[in-house]
Amino acid sequence: MSESQLVHCTTIAFEKEGWLTAVLLRGKSGSGKSDLALRVIDSGRAELVSDDQTLLTKHGNDILASPPSTIAGKLEVRGLGIVSFSYCSEVPVGLIVDLVPREGVDRLPESTKAEILGVEIPCVQLYSFDHSTVAKLLLAISRPESDIVR
């Protein structure tokens, strides 16, 4: 039987090397999880997995991200309400982004990982509302970790 847990995060999926890779956007309420997801989806670079809650399931050495059925394909867009989007599920998680206040983002951070269901996943910290955050997220997901000198 697979281990699983429901976590408070917004999850989007990117295509990387021909496969989908999920990014968990974690942070406090109001930290910009849904807003950042909308900006990346709007750029045509990602697809929604789940907003606000994500079901994570351990499958071998992977953690798969899926939306709970009650909110599948729904994204909260502040000022508009709940909006329907296409979505994907059972996407392997490749990166965790912790959304923190601007002063919480290190200029030259150490490489870190977070453990979910016994699996270590690379983790970075970003401030959601900087103009460059979408570009930084795209760099973090598209570049091999060895290419980023810390």
N, C-alpha and C. Protein backbone atom coordinates (compact mmCIF):
# COMPACT_ATOMS: atom_id res chain seq x y z
N MET A 1 0.84 -1.18 0.00
CA MET A 1 0.00 0.00 0.00
C MET A 1 0.88 1.25 0.00
N SER A 2 0.52 2.23 -0.80
CA SER A 2 1.31 3.46 -0.92
C SER A 2 1.04 4.40 0.24
N GLU A 3 2.12 5.07 0.67
CA GLU A 3 1.97 6.11 1.67
C GLU A 3 1.51 7.37 0.96
N SER A 4 0.66 8.16 1.64
CA SER A 4 0.24 9.43 1.05
C SER A 4 -0.06 10.43 2.16
N GLN A 5 -0.05 11.70 1.78
CA GLN A 5 -0.43 12.76 2.71
C GLN A 5 -0.97 13.94 1.92
N LEU A 6 -1.86 14.67 2.55
CA LEU A 6 -2.42 15.88 1.98
C LEU A 6 -1.65 17.06 2.55
N VAL A 7 -1.11 17.91 1.68
CA VAL A 7 -0.32 19.05 2.15
C VAL A 7 -0.91 20.36 1.65
N HIS A 8 -0.66 21.41 2.44
CA HIS A 8 -1.11 22.76 2.09
C HIS A 8 -0.08 23.38 1.16
N CYS A 9 -0.34 23.33 -0.13
CA CYS A 9 0.54 23.94 -1.13
C CYS A 9 -0.21 24.01 -2.45
N THR A 10 0.32 24.82 -3.35
CA THR A 10 -0.18 24.87 -4.72
C THR A 10 0.87 24.18 -5.57
N THR A 11 0.43 23.37 -6.53
CA THR A 11 1.38 22.59 -7.32
C THR A 11 1.13 22.82 -8.81
N ILE A 12 2.24 23.05 -9.52
CA ILE A 12 2.18 23.22 -10.97
C ILE A 12 3.16 22.23 -11.59
N ALA A 13 2.94 21.90 -12.87
CA ALA A 13 3.77 20.93 -13.57
C ALA A 13 4.44 21.58 -14.77
N PHE A 14 5.73 21.28 -14.93
CA PHE A 14 6.53 21.76 -16.05
C PHE A 14 6.95 20.57 -16.89
N GLU A 15 7.17 20.80 -18.17
CA GLU A 15 7.76 19.76 -19.00
C GLU A 15 9.27 19.91 -18.91
N LYS A 16 9.94 18.82 -18.55
CA LYS A 16 11.40 18.82 -18.45
C LYS A 16 11.91 17.52 -19.04
N GLU A 17 12.74 17.64 -20.06
CA GLU A 17 13.33 16.49 -20.72
C GLU A 17 12.26 15.48 -21.17
N GLY A 18 11.13 15.99 -21.68
CA GLY A 18 10.09 15.14 -22.20
C GLY A 18 9.13 14.56 -21.17
N TRP A 19 9.35 14.88 -19.89
CA TRP A 19 8.50 14.37 -18.81
C TRP A 19 7.95 15.53 -18.01
N LEU A 20 6.82 15.32 -17.37
CA LEU A 20 6.28 16.34 -16.48
C LEU A 20 6.98 16.25 -15.13
N THR A 21 7.28 17.41 -14.57
CA THR A 21 7.89 17.53 -13.25
C THR A 21 7.06 18.52 -12.45
N ALA A 22 6.66 18.12 -11.25
CA ALA A 22 5.84 18.99 -10.40
C ALA A 22 6.71 19.85 -9.50
N VAL A 23 6.22 21.06 -9.25
CA VAL A 23 6.84 21.99 -8.31
C VAL A 23 5.80 22.33 -7.26
N LEU A 24 6.16 22.09 -5.99
CA LEU A 24 5.28 22.44 -4.88
C LEU A 24 5.58 23.87 -4.47
N LEU A 25 4.57 24.71 -4.45
CA LEU A 25 4.70 26.09 -3.98
C LEU A 25 4.12 26.13 -2.57
N ARG A 26 5.00 26.25 -1.58
CA ARG A 26 4.57 26.25 -0.18
C ARG A 26 4.70 27.65 0.40
N GLY A 27 3.86 27.96 1.36
CA GLY A 27 3.94 29.24 2.05
C GLY A 27 2.69 29.52 2.83
N LYS A 28 2.78 30.54 3.65
CA LYS A 28 1.64 30.95 4.46
C LYS A 28 0.53 31.50 3.57
N SER A 29 -0.66 31.60 4.12
CA SER A 29 -1.77 32.22 3.42
C SER A 29 -1.37 33.65 3.03
N GLY A 30 -1.60 34.02 1.78
CA GLY A 30 -1.24 35.35 1.32
C GLY A 30 0.19 35.48 0.81
N SER A 31 0.94 34.37 0.82
CA SER A 31 2.35 34.43 0.38
C SER A 31 2.49 34.44 -1.15
N GLY A 32 1.39 34.19 -1.87
CA GLY A 32 1.43 34.29 -3.32
C GLY A 32 1.50 32.97 -4.06
N LYS A 33 1.09 31.88 -3.41
CA LYS A 33 1.14 30.57 -4.06
C LYS A 33 0.28 30.55 -5.32
N SER A 34 -0.98 30.88 -5.18
CA SER A 34 -1.91 30.85 -6.33
C SER A 34 -1.55 31.90 -7.35
N ASP A 35 -1.11 33.07 -6.91
CA ASP A 35 -0.74 34.16 -7.81
C ASP A 35 0.45 33.76 -8.67
N LEU A 36 1.48 33.18 -8.06
CA LEU A 36 2.64 32.73 -8.82
C LEU A 36 2.26 31.62 -9.79
N ALA A 37 1.44 30.69 -9.34
CA ALA A 37 0.98 29.61 -10.23
C ALA A 37 0.26 30.21 -11.44
N LEU A 38 -0.62 31.17 -11.22
CA LEU A 38 -1.35 31.80 -12.32
C LEU A 38 -0.40 32.46 -13.30
N ARG A 39 0.61 33.17 -12.80
CA ARG A 39 1.55 33.85 -13.69
C ARG A 39 2.34 32.85 -14.54
N VAL A 40 2.74 31.73 -13.96
CA VAL A 40 3.51 30.74 -14.72
C VAL A 40 2.60 30.01 -15.71
N ILE A 41 1.39 29.68 -15.29
CA ILE A 41 0.42 29.03 -16.20
C ILE A 41 0.10 29.98 -17.35
N ASP A 42 -0.12 31.27 -17.04
CA ASP A 42 -0.45 32.27 -18.05
C ASP A 42 0.69 32.44 -19.06
N SER A 43 1.93 32.22 -18.63
CA SER A 43 3.07 32.34 -19.54
C SER A 43 3.15 31.16 -20.51
N GLY A 44 2.32 30.14 -20.28
CA GLY A 44 2.32 28.96 -21.13
C GLY A 44 3.41 27.96 -20.79
N ARG A 45 4.06 28.14 -19.64
CA ARG A 45 5.20 27.28 -19.28
C ARG A 45 4.84 26.18 -18.30
N ALA A 46 3.61 26.21 -17.74
CA ALA A 46 3.24 25.20 -16.74
C ALA A 46 1.75 24.92 -16.83
N GLU A 47 1.38 23.82 -16.19
CA GLU A 47 -0.02 23.43 -16.09
C GLU A 47 -0.35 23.22 -14.62
N LEU A 48 -1.57 23.48 -14.27
CA LEU A 48 -2.01 23.31 -12.89
C LEU A 48 -2.05 21.83 -12.51
N VAL A 49 -1.59 21.52 -11.32
CA VAL A 49 -1.84 20.22 -10.71
C VAL A 49 -2.92 20.43 -9.67
N SER A 50 -2.66 21.33 -8.71
CA SER A 50 -3.64 21.55 -7.65
C SER A 50 -3.39 22.88 -6.95
N ASP A 51 -4.44 23.52 -6.50
CA ASP A 51 -4.33 24.77 -5.77
C ASP A 51 -4.75 24.56 -4.31
N ASP A 52 -3.94 25.06 -3.42
CA ASP A 52 -4.20 25.10 -1.99
C ASP A 52 -3.96 23.79 -1.25
N GLN A 53 -4.33 22.68 -1.83
CA GLN A 53 -4.13 21.36 -1.22
C GLN A 53 -3.64 20.42 -2.32
N THR A 54 -2.63 19.62 -1.98
CA THR A 54 -2.11 18.65 -2.94
C THR A 54 -1.96 17.31 -2.25
N LEU A 55 -2.42 16.27 -2.92
CA LEU A 55 -2.26 14.91 -2.41
C LEU A 55 -0.93 14.38 -2.91
N LEU A 56 -0.03 14.03 -1.98
CA LEU A 56 1.28 13.49 -2.32
C LEU A 56 1.29 12.01 -1.98
N THR A 57 1.73 11.19 -2.93
CA THR A 57 1.76 9.75 -2.76
C THR A 57 3.15 9.23 -3.09
N LYS A 58 3.69 8.39 -2.22
CA LYS A 58 5.00 7.78 -2.48
C LYS A 58 4.80 6.60 -3.41
N HIS A 59 5.57 6.60 -4.50
CA HIS A 59 5.52 5.52 -5.48
C HIS A 59 6.97 5.17 -5.80
N GLY A 60 7.48 4.10 -5.19
CA GLY A 60 8.88 3.75 -5.34
C GLY A 60 9.74 4.84 -4.71
N ASN A 61 10.65 5.42 -5.50
CA ASN A 61 11.50 6.50 -5.02
C ASN A 61 10.97 7.87 -5.42
N ASP A 62 9.76 7.92 -5.94
CA ASP A 62 9.15 9.18 -6.37
C ASP A 62 8.02 9.59 -5.44
N ILE A 63 7.78 10.89 -5.41
CA ILE A 63 6.59 11.45 -4.77
C ILE A 63 5.72 11.99 -5.90
N LEU A 64 4.51 11.48 -6.02
CA LEU A 64 3.59 11.90 -7.08
C LEU A 64 2.59 12.91 -6.52
N ALA A 65 2.38 13.99 -7.26
CA ALA A 65 1.44 15.04 -6.85
C ALA A 65 0.16 14.96 -7.67
N SER A 66 -0.97 15.03 -6.96
CA SER A 66 -2.29 14.99 -7.60
C SER A 66 -3.23 15.94 -6.87
N PRO A 67 -4.27 16.39 -7.54
CA PRO A 67 -5.27 17.21 -6.86
C PRO A 67 -6.28 16.34 -6.13
N PRO A 68 -6.76 16.78 -4.97
CA PRO A 68 -7.92 16.11 -4.38
C PRO A 68 -9.10 16.27 -5.35
N SER A 69 -9.93 15.26 -5.46
CA SER A 69 -11.01 15.29 -6.46
C SER A 69 -11.96 16.47 -6.29
N THR A 70 -12.12 16.95 -5.07
CA THR A 70 -13.07 18.04 -4.82
C THR A 70 -12.61 19.39 -5.37
N ILE A 71 -11.30 19.55 -5.64
CA ILE A 71 -10.80 20.83 -6.14
C ILE A 71 -10.02 20.69 -7.44
N ALA A 72 -10.09 19.53 -8.07
CA ALA A 72 -9.34 19.30 -9.31
C ALA A 72 -9.73 20.32 -10.38
N GLY A 73 -8.72 20.96 -10.97
CA GLY A 73 -8.96 21.92 -12.04
C GLY A 73 -9.44 23.28 -11.58
N LYS A 74 -9.34 23.57 -10.29
CA LYS A 74 -9.81 24.86 -9.75
C LYS A 74 -8.64 25.64 -9.19
N LEU A 75 -8.58 26.94 -9.50
CA LEU A 75 -7.54 27.83 -9.00
C LEU A 75 -8.21 29.09 -8.48
N GLU A 76 -7.86 29.47 -7.26
CA GLU A 76 -8.39 30.70 -6.70
C GLU A 76 -7.63 31.88 -7.28
N VAL A 77 -8.35 32.75 -7.97
CA VAL A 77 -7.76 33.95 -8.55
C VAL A 77 -8.33 35.13 -7.78
N ARG A 78 -7.48 35.69 -6.92
CA ARG A 78 -7.93 36.79 -6.05
C ARG A 78 -8.51 37.91 -6.90
N GLY A 79 -9.71 38.34 -6.57
CA GLY A 79 -10.40 39.39 -7.31
C GLY A 79 -11.37 38.84 -8.34
N LEU A 80 -11.22 37.57 -8.72
CA LEU A 80 -12.14 36.95 -9.67
C LEU A 80 -12.92 35.81 -9.06
N GLY A 81 -12.28 35.07 -8.15
CA GLY A 81 -12.93 33.92 -7.54
C GLY A 81 -12.26 32.63 -7.97
N ILE A 82 -13.03 31.54 -7.96
CA ILE A 82 -12.52 30.22 -8.33
C ILE A 82 -12.70 30.06 -9.84
N VAL A 83 -11.58 29.77 -10.52
CA VAL A 83 -11.57 29.68 -11.98
C VAL A 83 -11.16 28.27 -12.39
N SER A 84 -11.79 27.73 -13.42
CA SER A 84 -11.47 26.39 -13.92
C SER A 84 -10.28 26.43 -14.88
N PHE A 85 -9.40 25.44 -14.74
CA PHE A 85 -8.22 25.29 -15.60
C PHE A 85 -8.07 23.82 -15.96
N SER A 86 -7.37 23.55 -17.05
CA SER A 86 -6.98 22.17 -17.29
C SER A 86 -5.97 21.80 -16.22
N TYR A 87 -5.83 20.52 -15.93
CA TYR A 87 -4.92 20.11 -14.88
C TYR A 87 -4.37 18.73 -15.19
N CYS A 88 -3.31 18.36 -14.48
CA CYS A 88 -2.75 17.03 -14.62
C CYS A 88 -2.57 16.44 -13.23
N SER A 89 -2.36 15.15 -13.16
CA SER A 89 -2.22 14.48 -11.87
C SER A 89 -1.17 13.39 -11.96
N GLU A 90 -0.80 12.87 -10.78
CA GLU A 90 0.23 11.84 -10.65
C GLU A 90 1.53 12.28 -11.33
N VAL A 91 1.96 13.50 -11.00
CA VAL A 91 3.18 14.08 -11.57
C VAL A 91 4.31 13.98 -10.55
N PRO A 92 5.46 13.41 -10.92
CA PRO A 92 6.58 13.31 -9.98
C PRO A 92 7.06 14.69 -9.53
N VAL A 93 7.27 14.84 -8.23
CA VAL A 93 7.72 16.12 -7.67
C VAL A 93 9.23 16.24 -7.86
N GLY A 94 9.66 17.37 -8.44
CA GLY A 94 11.08 17.60 -8.68
C GLY A 94 11.66 18.75 -7.92
N LEU A 95 10.80 19.63 -7.37
CA LEU A 95 11.29 20.82 -6.69
C LEU A 95 10.24 21.32 -5.71
N ILE A 96 10.71 21.84 -4.59
CA ILE A 96 9.86 22.53 -3.63
C ILE A 96 10.31 23.99 -3.58
N VAL A 97 9.36 24.90 -3.69
CA VAL A 97 9.65 26.33 -3.57
C VAL A 97 8.92 26.84 -2.34
N ASP A 98 9.70 27.27 -1.36
CA ASP A 98 9.11 27.89 -0.17
C ASP A 98 9.03 29.38 -0.44
N LEU A 99 7.82 29.92 -0.40
CA LEU A 99 7.60 31.35 -0.63
C LEU A 99 7.73 32.08 0.69
N VAL A 100 8.69 32.98 0.75
CA VAL A 100 9.06 33.66 1.99
C VAL A 100 9.06 35.17 1.74
N PRO A 101 9.10 35.99 2.81
CA PRO A 101 9.25 37.44 2.62
C PRO A 101 10.56 37.74 1.87
N ARG A 102 10.60 38.85 1.16
CA ARG A 102 11.76 39.22 0.35
C ARG A 102 13.07 39.13 1.15
N GLU A 103 13.05 39.59 2.40
CA GLU A 103 14.28 39.58 3.21
C GLU A 103 14.69 38.16 3.62
N GLY A 104 13.84 37.18 3.41
CA GLY A 104 14.16 35.79 3.72
C GLY A 104 14.87 35.05 2.59
N VAL A 105 15.05 35.72 1.45
CA VAL A 105 15.71 35.09 0.30
C VAL A 105 17.20 35.42 0.34
N ASP A 106 18.05 34.40 0.48
CA ASP A 106 19.49 34.59 0.48
C ASP A 106 19.99 34.89 -0.93
N ARG A 107 21.00 35.77 -1.02
CA ARG A 107 21.59 36.08 -2.33
C ARG A 107 22.30 34.87 -2.91
N LEU A 108 23.05 34.15 -2.08
CA LEU A 108 23.80 32.97 -2.52
C LEU A 108 23.47 31.82 -1.57
N PRO A 109 22.33 31.20 -1.77
CA PRO A 109 21.87 30.18 -0.81
C PRO A 109 22.66 28.88 -0.92
N GLU A 110 22.70 28.17 0.18
CA GLU A 110 23.24 26.81 0.19
C GLU A 110 22.21 25.89 -0.47
N SER A 111 22.68 24.82 -1.05
CA SER A 111 21.78 23.82 -1.63
C SER A 111 21.05 23.11 -0.49
N THR A 112 19.72 23.05 -0.55
CA THR A 112 18.95 22.40 0.51
C THR A 112 17.95 21.42 -0.09
N LYS A 113 17.54 20.50 0.76
CA LYS A 113 16.51 19.52 0.38
C LYS A 113 15.51 19.43 1.52
N ALA A 114 14.30 19.06 1.17
CA ALA A 114 13.25 18.82 2.16
C ALA A 114 12.81 17.36 2.00
N GLU A 115 12.43 16.75 3.10
CA GLU A 115 12.02 15.36 3.06
C GLU A 115 10.50 15.26 3.10
N ILE A 116 9.96 14.51 2.16
CA ILE A 116 8.53 14.23 2.11
C ILE A 116 8.35 12.74 1.97
N LEU A 117 7.65 12.12 2.91
CA LEU A 117 7.40 10.69 2.90
C LEU A 117 8.69 9.89 2.71
N GLY A 118 9.78 10.39 3.33
CA GLY A 118 11.06 9.69 3.29
C GLY A 118 11.88 9.94 2.04
N VAL A 119 11.42 10.82 1.14
CA VAL A 119 12.14 11.12 -0.10
C VAL A 119 12.64 12.56 -0.02
N GLU A 120 13.94 12.76 -0.29
CA GLU A 120 14.51 14.10 -0.30
C GLU A 120 14.30 14.77 -1.65
N ILE A 121 13.84 16.03 -1.59
CA ILE A 121 13.52 16.79 -2.80
C ILE A 121 14.22 18.14 -2.71
N PRO A 122 14.88 18.60 -3.79
CA PRO A 122 15.53 19.91 -3.76
C PRO A 122 14.54 21.00 -3.38
N CYS A 123 15.04 22.00 -2.65
CA CYS A 123 14.18 23.06 -2.12
C CYS A 123 14.87 24.41 -2.27
N VAL A 124 14.12 25.40 -2.74
CA VAL A 124 14.63 26.78 -2.83
C VAL A 124 13.63 27.71 -2.16
N GLN A 125 14.12 28.91 -1.84
CA GLN A 125 13.25 29.94 -1.27
C GLN A 125 13.18 31.12 -2.23
N LEU A 126 11.97 31.59 -2.49
CA LEU A 126 11.76 32.74 -3.36
C LEU A 126 10.70 33.66 -2.74
N TYR A 127 10.72 34.91 -3.18
CA TYR A 127 9.68 35.87 -2.83
C TYR A 127 8.74 35.93 -4.03
N SER A 128 7.49 35.59 -3.83
CA SER A 128 6.54 35.42 -4.92
C SER A 128 6.31 36.68 -5.76
N PHE A 129 6.36 37.85 -5.13
CA PHE A 129 5.87 39.05 -5.81
C PHE A 129 6.94 39.87 -6.51
N ASP A 130 8.20 39.39 -6.55
CA ASP A 130 9.21 40.07 -7.37
C ASP A 130 8.86 39.85 -8.83
N HIS A 131 9.18 40.84 -9.66
CA HIS A 131 8.90 40.73 -11.09
C HIS A 131 9.66 39.55 -11.70
N SER A 132 10.84 39.24 -11.17
CA SER A 132 11.69 38.19 -11.73
C SER A 132 11.38 36.79 -11.20
N THR A 133 10.40 36.64 -10.33
CA THR A 133 10.17 35.34 -9.70
C THR A 133 9.81 34.25 -10.71
N VAL A 134 9.02 34.56 -11.71
CA VAL A 134 8.68 33.55 -12.71
C VAL A 134 9.96 33.10 -13.43
N ALA A 135 10.81 34.04 -13.80
CA ALA A 135 12.08 33.69 -14.47
C ALA A 135 12.96 32.86 -13.55
N LYS A 136 13.03 33.21 -12.28
CA LYS A 136 13.83 32.45 -11.33
C LYS A 136 13.29 31.03 -11.18
N LEU A 137 12.00 30.89 -11.12
CA LEU A 137 11.38 29.57 -11.01
C LEU A 137 11.69 28.74 -12.25
N LEU A 138 11.59 29.34 -13.42
CA LEU A 138 11.90 28.62 -14.66
C LEU A 138 13.37 28.20 -14.70
N LEU A 139 14.27 29.05 -14.20
CA LEU A 139 15.68 28.67 -14.12
C LEU A 139 15.88 27.51 -13.15
N ALA A 140 15.23 27.59 -12.00
CA ALA A 140 15.40 26.54 -10.99
C ALA A 140 14.93 25.19 -11.49
N ILE A 141 13.87 25.15 -12.26
CA ILE A 141 13.33 23.87 -12.72
C ILE A 141 14.04 23.38 -13.99
N SER A 142 14.58 24.28 -14.79
CA SER A 142 15.14 23.85 -16.08
C SER A 142 16.63 23.58 -16.04
N ARG A 143 17.35 24.14 -15.09
CA ARG A 143 18.81 23.98 -15.04
C ARG A 143 19.17 22.81 -14.14
N PRO A 144 20.18 22.04 -14.54
CA PRO A 144 20.66 20.99 -13.62
C PRO A 144 21.26 21.67 -12.39
N GLU A 145 21.09 21.04 -11.23
CA GLU A 145 21.59 21.63 -9.99
C GLU A 145 23.09 21.91 -10.08
N SER A 146 23.83 21.09 -10.82
CA SER A 146 25.27 21.28 -10.95
C SER A 146 25.62 22.54 -11.74
N ASP A 147 24.66 23.09 -12.48
CA ASP A 147 24.90 24.28 -13.27
C ASP A 147 24.71 25.56 -12.44
N ILE A 148 24.12 25.42 -11.27
CA ILE A 148 23.88 26.59 -10.42
C ILE A 148 24.95 26.60 -9.34
N VAL A 149 25.86 27.56 -9.44
CA VAL A 149 26.94 27.67 -8.47
C VAL A 149 26.44 28.45 -7.27
N ARG A 150 26.53 27.85 -6.10
CA ARG A 150 26.02 28.50 -4.90
C ARG A 150 27.15 29.02 -4.05
